[in-house]
């Protein structure tokens, strides 16, 4: 009888241990583990939402840019389909001209030549000590062929050796190919102090004058002149750029021969924007003719 009681007690303990083990196995994972997984899931969801939002914003910006971007000017080659007065953005009562460089790409010179309102063209020849405009040679040949009065200009770099700049310009701007006096484009001081910059510029202008036996035309912006060149360029004719409705006035009251009144002009034969200028007051084309 005692043996039976012992066996029954042992069986009861074994059953209790198995039940305890099963209960432990079925017990849900700790709150700490569950919270960690939930936090990770939330973080991942936030990242996905942020990425989707960024993609939407980028797409919206690109769409807005496409909608607001100014349409690229289209070339017009048929004079009969074009209002000629649009080609003189300010007025067609004055003598107008343009200046061009490689930035305008291929120019249909035959079409430009048919438009008699454009009396002259200045072509970029060189810049600094070694840069040559890639389209200069072709542009000057075709501009002459189709009847325009042509001049050439050099973009002045104050820190580049002056003799090197003069040699570069003279190698391209050949006197026999010029209808108009050389023009020097002055738009930067090269971070020089004004006194040093002006000395460099005036020396270069004198060198150009000796080389071509006539004073060059000086091109600059109104504000640039007022900040750096007031009272320095007496004796030199000026082409002043200012893209506003009223005619430019300089701080020292200097006379202005020519006014570049727009940098976004249109003309048949040129695909894109073009700089356009005209004579001011009683000034006329004869004043800038090259004397051979």
Protein backbone atom coordinates (compact mmCIF):
# COMPACT_ATOMS: atom_id res chain seq x y z
CA UNK A 1 0.00 0.00 0.00
CA UNK A 2 2.85 2.34 0.83
CA UNK A 3 4.42 1.63 -2.59
CA UNK A 4 1.23 2.60 -4.37
CA UNK A 5 1.11 5.91 -2.48
CA UNK A 6 4.73 6.70 -3.40
CA UNK A 7 4.10 6.01 -7.09
CA UNK A 8 0.98 8.15 -7.09
CA UNK A 9 2.82 11.10 -5.51
CA UNK A 10 5.68 10.82 -8.07
CA UNK A 11 3.22 10.75 -10.98
CA UNK A 12 1.43 13.81 -9.60
CA UNK A 13 4.70 15.80 -9.38
CA UNK A 14 5.68 14.86 -12.94
CA UNK A 15 2.26 15.92 -14.23
CA UNK A 16 2.57 19.25 -12.35
CA UNK A 17 6.03 19.94 -13.88
CA UNK A 18 4.79 19.20 -17.45
CA UNK A 19 1.80 21.47 -16.94
CA UNK A 20 4.10 24.23 -15.67
CA UNK A 21 6.42 23.80 -18.66
CA UNK A 22 3.50 23.91 -21.12
CA UNK A 23 2.14 27.02 -19.48
CA UNK A 24 5.53 28.70 -19.73
CA UNK A 25 5.82 27.80 -23.42
CA UNK A 26 2.42 29.27 -24.20
CA UNK A 27 3.10 32.44 -22.24
CA UNK A 28 3.24 35.52 -24.59
CA UNK A 29 6.58 37.27 -25.23
CA UNK A 30 7.63 39.94 -22.80
CA UNK A 31 6.30 43.46 -23.15
CA UNK A 32 9.85 44.73 -23.78
CA UNK A 33 10.32 42.58 -26.91
CA UNK A 34 6.90 43.48 -28.28
CA UNK A 35 7.49 47.21 -27.73
CA UNK A 36 10.89 47.02 -29.48
CA UNK A 37 9.41 45.41 -32.57
CA UNK A 38 6.56 47.89 -32.68
CA UNK A 39 9.01 50.83 -32.45
CA UNK A 40 11.13 49.40 -35.28
CA UNK A 41 8.03 48.96 -37.43
CA UNK A 42 6.93 52.55 -36.75
CA UNK A 43 10.42 53.86 -37.59
CA UNK A 44 10.47 51.93 -40.88
CA UNK A 45 7.00 53.23 -41.75
CA UNK A 46 8.11 56.82 -41.02
CA UNK A 47 11.14 56.43 -43.30
CA UNK A 48 8.98 55.12 -46.13
CA UNK A 49 6.52 57.99 -45.65
CA UNK A 50 9.35 60.56 -45.61
CA UNK A 51 10.85 59.13 -48.81
CA UNK A 52 7.47 59.13 -50.56
CA UNK A 53 6.89 62.74 -49.44
CA UNK A 54 10.34 63.81 -50.71
CA UNK A 55 9.67 62.16 -54.08
CA UNK A 56 6.33 63.97 -54.35
CA UNK A 57 7.95 67.33 -53.50
CA UNK A 58 10.73 66.83 -56.06
CA UNK A 59 8.21 65.88 -58.74
CA UNK A 60 6.10 68.93 -57.88
CA UNK A 61 9.12 71.26 -58.13
CA UNK A 62 10.14 69.82 -61.49
CA UNK A 63 6.60 70.23 -62.81
CA UNK A 64 6.50 73.84 -61.56
CA UNK A 65 9.83 74.62 -63.23
CA UNK A 66 8.62 73.18 -66.52
CA UNK A 67 5.43 75.24 -66.32
CA UNK A 68 7.17 78.52 -65.43
CA UNK A 69 10.27 78.20 -67.62
CA UNK A 70 10.37 80.81 -70.36
CA UNK A 71 9.94 79.27 -73.80
CA UNK A 72 13.09 79.25 -75.90
CA UNK A 73 12.92 81.82 -78.69
CA UNK A 74 12.25 80.21 -82.03
CA UNK A 75 14.08 81.16 -85.19
CA UNK A 76 12.08 82.92 -87.88
CA UNK A 77 13.46 82.84 -91.40
CA UNK A 78 10.55 84.22 -93.42
CA UNK A 79 10.45 88.01 -93.43
CA UNK A 80 6.87 88.04 -94.72
CA UNK A 81 5.66 86.24 -91.58
CA UNK A 82 7.39 88.54 -89.08
CA UNK A 83 6.52 92.00 -87.80
CA UNK A 84 9.71 94.02 -88.41
CA UNK A 85 8.98 96.44 -85.57
CA UNK A 86 9.38 93.64 -83.03
CA UNK A 87 13.01 93.52 -84.12
CA UNK A 88 13.69 97.02 -82.76
CA UNK A 89 12.57 96.36 -79.19
CA UNK A 90 12.96 100.05 -78.32
CA UNK A 91 12.13 101.91 -81.58
CA UNK A 92 12.90 101.55 -85.27
CA UNK A 93 13.54 105.28 -85.71
CA UNK A 94 17.19 104.89 -84.68
CA UNK A 95 20.20 103.21 -86.27
CA UNK A 96 20.38 99.77 -84.69
CA UNK A 97 22.99 97.04 -84.48
CA UNK A 98 23.79 93.79 -82.71
CA UNK A 99 26.75 92.01 -81.18
CA UNK A 100 27.29 88.27 -81.45
CA UNK A 101 29.59 85.52 -80.28
CA UNK A 102 29.63 81.73 -80.28
CA UNK A 103 26.86 81.81 -77.66
CA UNK A 104 24.31 82.46 -80.43
CA UNK A 105 25.35 79.31 -82.27
CA UNK A 106 24.80 79.15 -86.00
CA UNK A 107 23.59 82.42 -87.53
CA UNK A 108 21.65 82.60 -90.81
CA UNK A 109 23.55 85.60 -92.14
CA UNK A 110 21.68 85.82 -95.43
CA UNK A 111 18.45 86.33 -93.46
CA UNK A 112 20.08 88.82 -91.07
CA UNK A 113 21.47 90.76 -94.03
CA UNK A 114 18.01 91.12 -95.57
CA UNK A 115 16.83 92.96 -92.47
CA UNK A 116 17.98 96.50 -93.24
CA UNK A 117 17.19 97.82 -89.75
CA UNK A 118 20.40 96.17 -88.49
CA UNK A 119 23.07 98.56 -89.78
CA UNK A 120 26.09 97.01 -88.05
CA UNK A 121 27.31 94.03 -86.05
CA UNK A 122 30.13 93.66 -83.53
CA UNK A 123 31.58 90.16 -83.35
CA UNK A 124 33.51 88.72 -80.44
CA UNK A 125 37.02 87.90 -81.64
CA UNK A 126 39.05 87.16 -78.52
CA UNK A 127 39.20 87.09 -74.73
CA UNK A 128 42.21 87.46 -72.48
CA UNK A 129 45.55 86.16 -73.69
CA UNK A 130 44.63 83.03 -75.62
CA UNK A 131 40.90 82.58 -76.10
CA UNK A 132 39.52 82.88 -79.62
CA UNK A 133 35.79 82.84 -80.29
CA UNK A 134 35.02 79.59 -82.07
CA UNK A 135 32.67 81.21 -84.61
CA UNK A 136 34.52 84.46 -85.24
CA UNK A 137 36.18 83.52 -88.53
CA UNK A 138 32.98 82.17 -90.08
CA UNK A 139 30.82 84.98 -88.69
CA UNK A 140 32.96 87.79 -90.04
CA UNK A 141 33.22 86.19 -93.48
CA UNK A 142 29.46 85.70 -93.84
CA UNK A 143 28.51 89.03 -92.24
CA UNK A 144 30.59 90.78 -94.92
CA UNK A 145 29.18 88.59 -97.66
CA UNK A 146 25.62 89.63 -96.81
CA UNK A 147 26.26 93.33 -96.53
CA UNK A 148 26.62 94.19 -92.83
CA UNK A 149 29.11 96.68 -91.44
CA UNK A 150 31.36 94.66 -89.17
CA UNK A 151 33.53 95.41 -86.16
CA UNK A 152 35.36 93.11 -83.73
CA UNK A 153 35.72 93.16 -79.98
CA UNK A 154 38.03 91.82 -77.30
CA UNK A 155 36.96 90.85 -73.75
CA UNK A 156 39.50 92.49 -71.44
CA UNK A 157 41.05 90.48 -68.56
CA UNK A 158 42.88 92.94 -66.26
CA UNK A 159 45.27 90.36 -64.74
CA UNK A 160 46.37 88.81 -68.04
CA UNK A 161 49.62 90.26 -69.46
CA UNK A 162 48.64 93.17 -71.70
CA UNK A 163 51.00 92.38 -74.56
CA UNK A 164 49.71 88.81 -74.65
CA UNK A 165 46.14 90.13 -74.93
CA UNK A 166 47.08 92.55 -77.70
CA UNK A 167 48.83 89.83 -79.71
CA UNK A 168 45.79 87.58 -79.35
CA UNK A 169 43.43 90.31 -80.55
CA UNK A 170 45.62 91.45 -83.44
CA UNK A 171 45.97 87.91 -84.74
CA UNK A 172 42.19 87.76 -85.26
CA UNK A 173 41.07 91.36 -85.73
CA UNK A 174 42.74 92.11 -89.07
CA UNK A 175 42.45 95.76 -90.21
CA UNK A 176 41.52 94.78 -93.77
CA UNK A 177 38.40 92.98 -92.51
CA UNK A 178 37.09 95.80 -90.30
CA UNK A 179 34.40 98.33 -91.16
CA UNK A 180 34.17 99.61 -87.57
CA UNK A 181 36.77 100.60 -84.98
CA UNK A 182 37.83 97.88 -82.50
CA UNK A 183 35.77 97.59 -79.33
CA UNK A 184 37.10 96.61 -75.90
CA UNK A 185 34.61 94.88 -73.62
CA UNK A 186 35.22 95.92 -69.99
CA UNK A 187 33.11 94.09 -67.40
CA UNK A 188 35.46 92.98 -64.61
CA UNK A 189 38.20 94.45 -62.43
CA UNK A 190 39.77 91.05 -61.86
CA UNK A 191 39.54 91.83 -58.12
CA UNK A 192 42.13 94.57 -58.56
CA UNK A 193 41.92 97.84 -56.61
CA UNK A 194 40.35 100.51 -58.81
CA UNK A 195 43.58 102.48 -59.25
CA UNK A 196 45.52 99.44 -60.42
CA UNK A 197 42.66 98.24 -62.61
CA UNK A 198 42.26 101.62 -64.33
CA UNK A 199 46.02 101.88 -64.97
CA UNK A 200 45.95 98.44 -66.59
CA UNK A 201 42.92 99.29 -68.74
CA UNK A 202 44.20 102.68 -69.89
CA UNK A 203 47.56 101.18 -70.80
CA UNK A 204 45.83 98.50 -72.86
CA UNK A 205 43.59 101.02 -74.62
CA UNK A 206 46.69 103.03 -75.58
CA UNK A 207 48.33 99.87 -76.93
CA UNK A 208 45.26 99.10 -79.06
CA UNK A 209 45.17 102.69 -80.31
CA UNK A 210 48.83 102.50 -81.42
CA UNK A 211 48.26 99.13 -83.11
CA UNK A 212 45.20 100.22 -85.11
CA UNK A 213 45.95 103.97 -85.41
CA UNK A 214 42.59 104.96 -83.90
CA UNK A 215 41.00 105.00 -80.49
CA UNK A 216 38.94 101.90 -79.71
CA UNK A 217 35.31 102.01 -78.64
CA UNK A 218 34.84 101.00 -74.97
CA UNK A 219 31.89 98.83 -73.97
CA UNK A 220 30.79 98.58 -70.35
CA UNK A 221 27.72 98.55 -68.10
CA UNK A 222 26.38 101.76 -66.61
CA UNK A 223 26.80 100.60 -63.00
CA UNK A 224 30.28 99.25 -63.67
CA UNK A 225 31.30 102.61 -65.14
CA UNK A 226 29.82 104.53 -62.19
CA UNK A 227 31.60 102.29 -59.67
CA UNK A 228 35.02 102.01 -61.28
CA UNK A 229 35.55 104.27 -64.32
CA UNK A 230 34.10 107.70 -63.54
CA UNK A 231 36.34 110.40 -65.00
CA UNK A 232 38.85 107.90 -66.40
CA UNK A 233 37.85 107.44 -70.03
CA UNK A 234 37.83 110.96 -71.44
CA UNK A 235 38.48 110.87 -75.17
CA UNK A 236 37.07 107.38 -75.70
CA UNK A 237 33.66 106.74 -77.24
CA UNK A 238 31.40 104.60 -75.09
CA UNK A 239 28.82 101.90 -75.71
CA UNK A 240 26.93 101.61 -72.42
CA UNK A 241 24.73 98.65 -71.53
CA UNK A 242 21.64 99.27 -69.42
CA UNK A 243 18.53 97.14 -69.81
CA UNK A 244 15.86 99.59 -68.73
CA UNK A 245 13.32 101.77 -70.52
CA UNK A 246 15.06 105.11 -69.99
CA UNK A 247 18.32 106.07 -71.68
CA UNK A 248 21.43 105.65 -69.50
CA UNK A 249 23.03 108.59 -67.70
CA UNK A 250 26.54 108.33 -66.24
CA UNK A 251 27.55 109.70 -62.84
CA UNK A 252 30.05 112.14 -64.36
CA UNK A 253 27.67 113.25 -67.13
CA UNK A 254 29.87 111.76 -69.86
CA UNK A 255 28.47 111.68 -73.38
CA UNK A 256 27.42 108.21 -74.55
CA UNK A 257 27.76 107.29 -78.22
CA UNK A 258 25.82 104.03 -78.20
CA UNK A 259 23.34 102.35 -75.89
CA UNK A 260 22.97 98.57 -75.62
CA UNK A 261 19.36 98.57 -74.53
CA UNK A 262 18.63 94.85 -74.31
CA UNK A 263 20.38 91.56 -73.78
CA UNK A 264 17.30 89.61 -74.85
CA UNK A 265 16.63 91.00 -78.29
CA UNK A 266 15.16 89.05 -81.16
CA UNK A 267 16.13 89.05 -84.80
CA UNK A 268 15.28 86.80 -87.67
CA UNK A 269 18.20 84.57 -88.58
CA UNK A 270 19.42 84.19 -85.00
CA UNK A 271 18.13 81.32 -82.90
CA UNK A 272 17.93 82.74 -79.40
CA UNK A 273 18.50 86.04 -77.64
CA UNK A 274 20.87 88.68 -78.97
CA UNK A 275 22.35 91.92 -77.57
CA UNK A 276 21.03 94.96 -79.42
CA UNK A 277 22.18 98.56 -79.41
CA UNK A 278 21.52 101.91 -81.06
CA UNK A 279 23.10 105.33 -81.38
CA UNK A 280 22.08 108.06 -78.95
CA UNK A 281 21.38 111.71 -79.69
CA UNK A 282 23.00 112.98 -82.86
CA UNK A 283 25.65 110.26 -82.97
CA UNK A 284 25.88 108.27 -86.19
CA UNK A 285 27.57 105.27 -87.76
CA UNK A 286 30.25 107.42 -89.41
CA UNK A 287 31.77 108.13 -85.96
CA UNK A 288 32.83 104.52 -85.46
CA UNK A 289 33.97 103.70 -88.98
CA UNK A 290 37.41 102.13 -89.27
CA UNK A 291 39.85 104.49 -91.00
CA UNK A 292 41.95 102.50 -93.45
